[in-house]
C-alpha atoms as a PDB file:
ATOM      1  CA  MET A   1      75.321  49.278 155.783  1.00  0.00           C
ATOM      2  CA  THR A   2      77.743  50.581 153.223  1.00  0.00           C
ATOM      3  CA  GLU A   3      80.595  52.985 153.782  1.00  0.00           C
ATOM      4  CA  GLY A   4      83.250  54.492 151.563  1.00  0.00           C
ATOM      5  CA  THR A   5      83.554  53.243 147.999  1.00  0.00           C
ATOM      6  CA  ASN A   6      80.864  50.531 148.235  1.00  0.00           C
ATOM      7  CA  ILE A   7      78.214  52.289 146.164  1.00  0.00           C
ATOM      8  CA  PHE A   8      75.625  49.535 145.772  1.00  0.00           C
ATOM      9  CA  VAL A   9      73.483  48.594 148.748  1.00  0.00           C
ATOM     10  CA  ARG A  10      71.169  45.635 149.300  1.00  0.00           C
ATOM     11  CA  ALA A  11      68.397  45.940 151.891  1.00  0.00           C
ATOM     12  CA  SER A  12      69.266  42.464 153.171  1.00  0.00           C
ATOM     13  CA  GLU A  13      72.669  43.758 154.307  1.00  0.00           C
ATOM     14  CA  GLY A  14      71.256  46.333 156.738  1.00  0.00           C
ATOM     15  CA  GLU A  15      70.418  45.667 160.371  1.00  0.00           C
ATOM     16  CA  TRP A  16      67.394  47.153 162.132  1.00  0.00           C
ATOM     17  CA  ASP A  17      68.055  48.869 165.458  1.00  0.00           C
ATOM     18  CA  THR A  18      65.514  50.109 168.003  1.00  0.00           C
ATOM     19  CA  THR A  19      65.561  53.880 168.413  1.00  0.00           C
ATOM     20  CA  PRO A  20      65.372  55.605 171.823  1.00  0.00           C
ATOM     21  CA  ASP A  21      61.755  56.630 171.025  1.00  0.00           C
ATOM     22  CA  GLY A  22      60.715  53.007 170.383  1.00  0.00           C
ATOM     23  CA  ASN A  23      60.751  52.881 166.573  1.00  0.00           C
ATOM     24  CA  ARG A  24      63.231  51.103 164.293  1.00  0.00           C
ATOM     25  CA  ARG A  25      65.957  52.368 161.976  1.00  0.00           C
ATOM     26  CA  ARG A  26      68.271  50.830 159.420  1.00  0.00           C
ATOM     27  CA  ILE A  27      71.285  52.685 158.041  1.00  0.00           C
ATOM     28  CA  ALA A  28      71.267  52.096 154.294  1.00  0.00           C
ATOM     29  CA  CYS A  29      74.531  53.777 153.315  1.00  0.00           C
ATOM     30  CA  TYR A  30      76.773  56.687 154.159  1.00  0.00           C
ATOM     31  CA  THR A  31      79.894  58.671 153.436  1.00  0.00           C
ATOM     32  CA  ASP A  32      81.305  61.528 155.486  1.00  0.00           C
ATOM     33  CA  GLU A  33      79.111  63.941 153.517  1.00  0.00           C
ATOM     34  CA  LEU A  34      75.797  62.061 153.323  1.00  0.00           C
ATOM     35  CA  MET A  35      73.808  59.340 155.107  1.00  0.00           C
ATOM     36  CA  MET A  36      70.573  57.541 154.136  1.00  0.00           C
ATOM     37  CA  VAL A  37      68.505  55.918 156.895  1.00  0.00           C
ATOM     38  CA  GLU A  38      65.179  54.088 156.785  1.00  0.00           C
ATOM     39  CA  PHE A  39      62.847  54.485 159.780  1.00  0.00           C
ATOM     40  CA  ALA A  40      59.886  52.177 160.497  1.00  0.00           C
ATOM     41  CA  PHE A  41      56.938  53.201 162.683  1.00  0.00           C
ATOM     42  CA  GLU A  42      53.901  51.372 163.994  1.00  0.00           C
ATOM     43  CA  LYS A  43      50.610  53.269 164.027  1.00  0.00           C
ATOM     44  CA  GLY A  44      50.842  55.946 166.719  1.00  0.00           C
ATOM     45  CA  GLY A  45      54.640  55.754 166.860  1.00  0.00           C
ATOM     46  CA  GLU A  46      56.397  59.045 167.464  1.00  0.00           C
ATOM     47  CA  GLY A  47      59.726  60.476 166.515  1.00  0.00           C
ATOM     48  CA  TRP A  48      60.187  62.790 169.498  1.00  0.00           C
ATOM     49  CA  LEU A  49      60.707  66.522 168.955  1.00  0.00           C
ATOM     50  CA  HIS A  50      64.438  67.136 168.626  1.00  0.00           C
ATOM     51  CA  SER A  51      67.000  69.149 166.691  1.00  0.00           C
ATOM     52  CA  HIS A  52      70.457  68.508 165.290  1.00  0.00           C
ATOM     53  CA  PRO A  53      73.053  70.421 163.246  1.00  0.00           C
ATOM     54  CA  HIS A  54      72.524  68.215 160.171  1.00  0.00           C
ATOM     55  CA  VAL A  55      70.323  69.187 157.238  1.00  0.00           C
ATOM     56  CA  GLN A  56      67.706  66.455 156.781  1.00  0.00           C
ATOM     57  CA  SER A  57      65.477  65.544 153.860  1.00  0.00           C
ATOM     58  CA  SER A  58      62.787  62.901 154.300  1.00  0.00           C
ATOM     59  CA  TYR A  59      60.569  60.902 151.946  1.00  0.00           C
ATOM     60  CA  VAL A  60      57.369  59.137 153.031  1.00  0.00           C
ATOM     61  CA  ALA A  61      57.832  55.623 151.615  1.00  0.00           C
ATOM     62  CA  GLU A  62      54.808  54.061 153.350  1.00  0.00           C
ATOM     63  CA  GLY A  63      51.893  55.246 155.499  1.00  0.00           C
ATOM     64  CA  SER A  64      51.040  58.767 156.588  1.00  0.00           C
ATOM     65  CA  PHE A  65      52.623  61.030 159.167  1.00  0.00           C
ATOM     66  CA  GLU A  66      51.909  64.179 161.084  1.00  0.00           C
ATOM     67  CA  VAL A  67      55.158  66.132 160.709  1.00  0.00           C
ATOM     68  CA  THR A  68      56.060  69.126 162.866  1.00  0.00           C
ATOM     69  CA  ILE A  69      58.941  71.417 161.916  1.00  0.00           C
ATOM     70  CA  ASP A  70      59.657  74.595 163.875  1.00  0.00           C
ATOM     71  CA  GLY A  71      56.114  74.639 165.291  1.00  0.00           C
ATOM     72  CA  ARG A  72      54.349  74.090 161.935  1.00  0.00           C
ATOM     73  CA  THR A  73      52.463  70.786 161.517  1.00  0.00           C
ATOM     74  CA  GLU A  74      51.399  69.155 158.227  1.00  0.00           C
ATOM     75  CA  THR A  75      50.022  65.717 157.330  1.00  0.00           C
ATOM     76  CA  LEU A  76      52.141  63.937 154.712  1.00  0.00           C
ATOM     77  CA  ARG A  77      51.378  60.740 152.798  1.00  0.00           C
ATOM     78  CA  VAL A  78      53.197  58.271 150.528  1.00  0.00           C
ATOM     79  CA  GLY A  79      55.321  60.139 147.995  1.00  0.00           C
ATOM     80  CA  ASP A  80      55.422  63.385 149.988  1.00  0.00           C
ATOM     81  CA  SER A  81      58.658  64.780 151.385  1.00  0.00           C
ATOM     82  CA  PHE A  82      60.062  67.465 153.661  1.00  0.00           C
ATOM     83  CA  ILE A  83      63.323  69.230 154.502  1.00  0.00           C
ATOM     84  CA  VAL A  84      64.520  70.149 157.981  1.00  0.00           C
ATOM     85  CA  PRO A  85      67.108  72.953 157.971  1.00  0.00           C
ATOM     86  CA  SER A  86      69.961  72.698 160.440  1.00  0.00           C
ATOM     87  CA  GLY A  87      69.008  73.333 164.056  1.00  0.00           C
ATOM     88  CA  LEU A  88      65.198  73.412 163.713  1.00  0.00           C
ATOM     89  CA  GLN A  89      63.113  71.419 166.189  1.00  0.00           C
ATOM     90  CA  HIS A  90      61.120  68.673 164.448  1.00  0.00           C
ATOM     91  CA  GLY A  91      59.300  65.401 165.056  1.00  0.00           C
ATOM     92  CA  VAL A  92      56.743  63.021 163.545  1.00  0.00           C
ATOM     93  CA  ARG A  93      53.740  60.929 164.557  1.00  0.00           C
ATOM     94  CA  ALA A  94      52.676  57.921 162.479  1.00  0.00           C
ATOM     95  CA  LEU A  95      48.966  58.132 161.636  1.00  0.00           C
ATOM     96  CA  GLU A  96      49.257  54.550 160.384  1.00  0.00           C
ATOM     97  CA  LYS A  97      52.058  52.017 160.091  1.00  0.00           C
ATOM     98  CA  GLY A  98      54.710  53.564 157.884  1.00  0.00           C
ATOM     99  CA  ARG A  99      58.287  54.181 156.801  1.00  0.00           C
ATOM    100  CA  LEU A 100      60.379  57.289 156.240  1.00  0.00           C
ATOM    101  CA  VAL A 101      63.608  57.427 154.259  1.00  0.00           C
ATOM    102  CA  ASP A 102      65.811  60.188 155.669  1.00  0.00           C
ATOM    103  CA  CYS A 103      68.986  61.672 154.242  1.00  0.00           C
ATOM    104  CA  PHE A 104      71.359  63.666 156.430  1.00  0.00           C
ATOM    105  CA  THR A 105      74.261  65.906 155.555  1.00  0.00           C
ATOM    106  CA  PRO A 106      76.812  65.484 156.929  1.00  0.00           C
ATOM    107  CA  HIS A 107      76.332  61.897 158.123  1.00  0.00           C
ATOM    108  CA  ARG A 108      74.959  61.219 161.623  1.00  0.00           C
ATOM    109  CA  ALA A 109      78.009  59.929 163.477  1.00  0.00           C
ATOM    110  CA  ASP A 110      75.782  59.436 166.559  1.00  0.00           C
ATOM    111  CA  PHE A 111      73.838  56.745 164.646  1.00  0.00           C
ATOM    112  CA  LEU A 112      77.052  54.780 164.102  1.00  0.00           C
ATOM    113  CA  THR A 113      77.846  54.443 167.809  1.00  0.00           C
ATOM    114  CA  THR A 114      74.495  52.989 168.935  1.00  0.00           C
END
């Protein structure tokens, strides 16, 4: 994890944590304004429906996902992406083993305390 003026990040420096919904996440880097987090899912893994005040953009780095945002569901595959505006309910289901790279603005302080 990198904070502040450390602008180069190596994957080997990040630690994987288990999320409350049973998946894994690794904070790549963050400042007060922006945070990048990698999420790993096994096939069938779910990111529970939730909302937060942060704007989120996500990139499908591996696998395929059923993504629901504000009641609309789409299937996304490697290379696809989505944006979640502030406050909208959203969640994902892994159709196969996969990874999402999420960016949040501002950073998710709640991820730093777990």
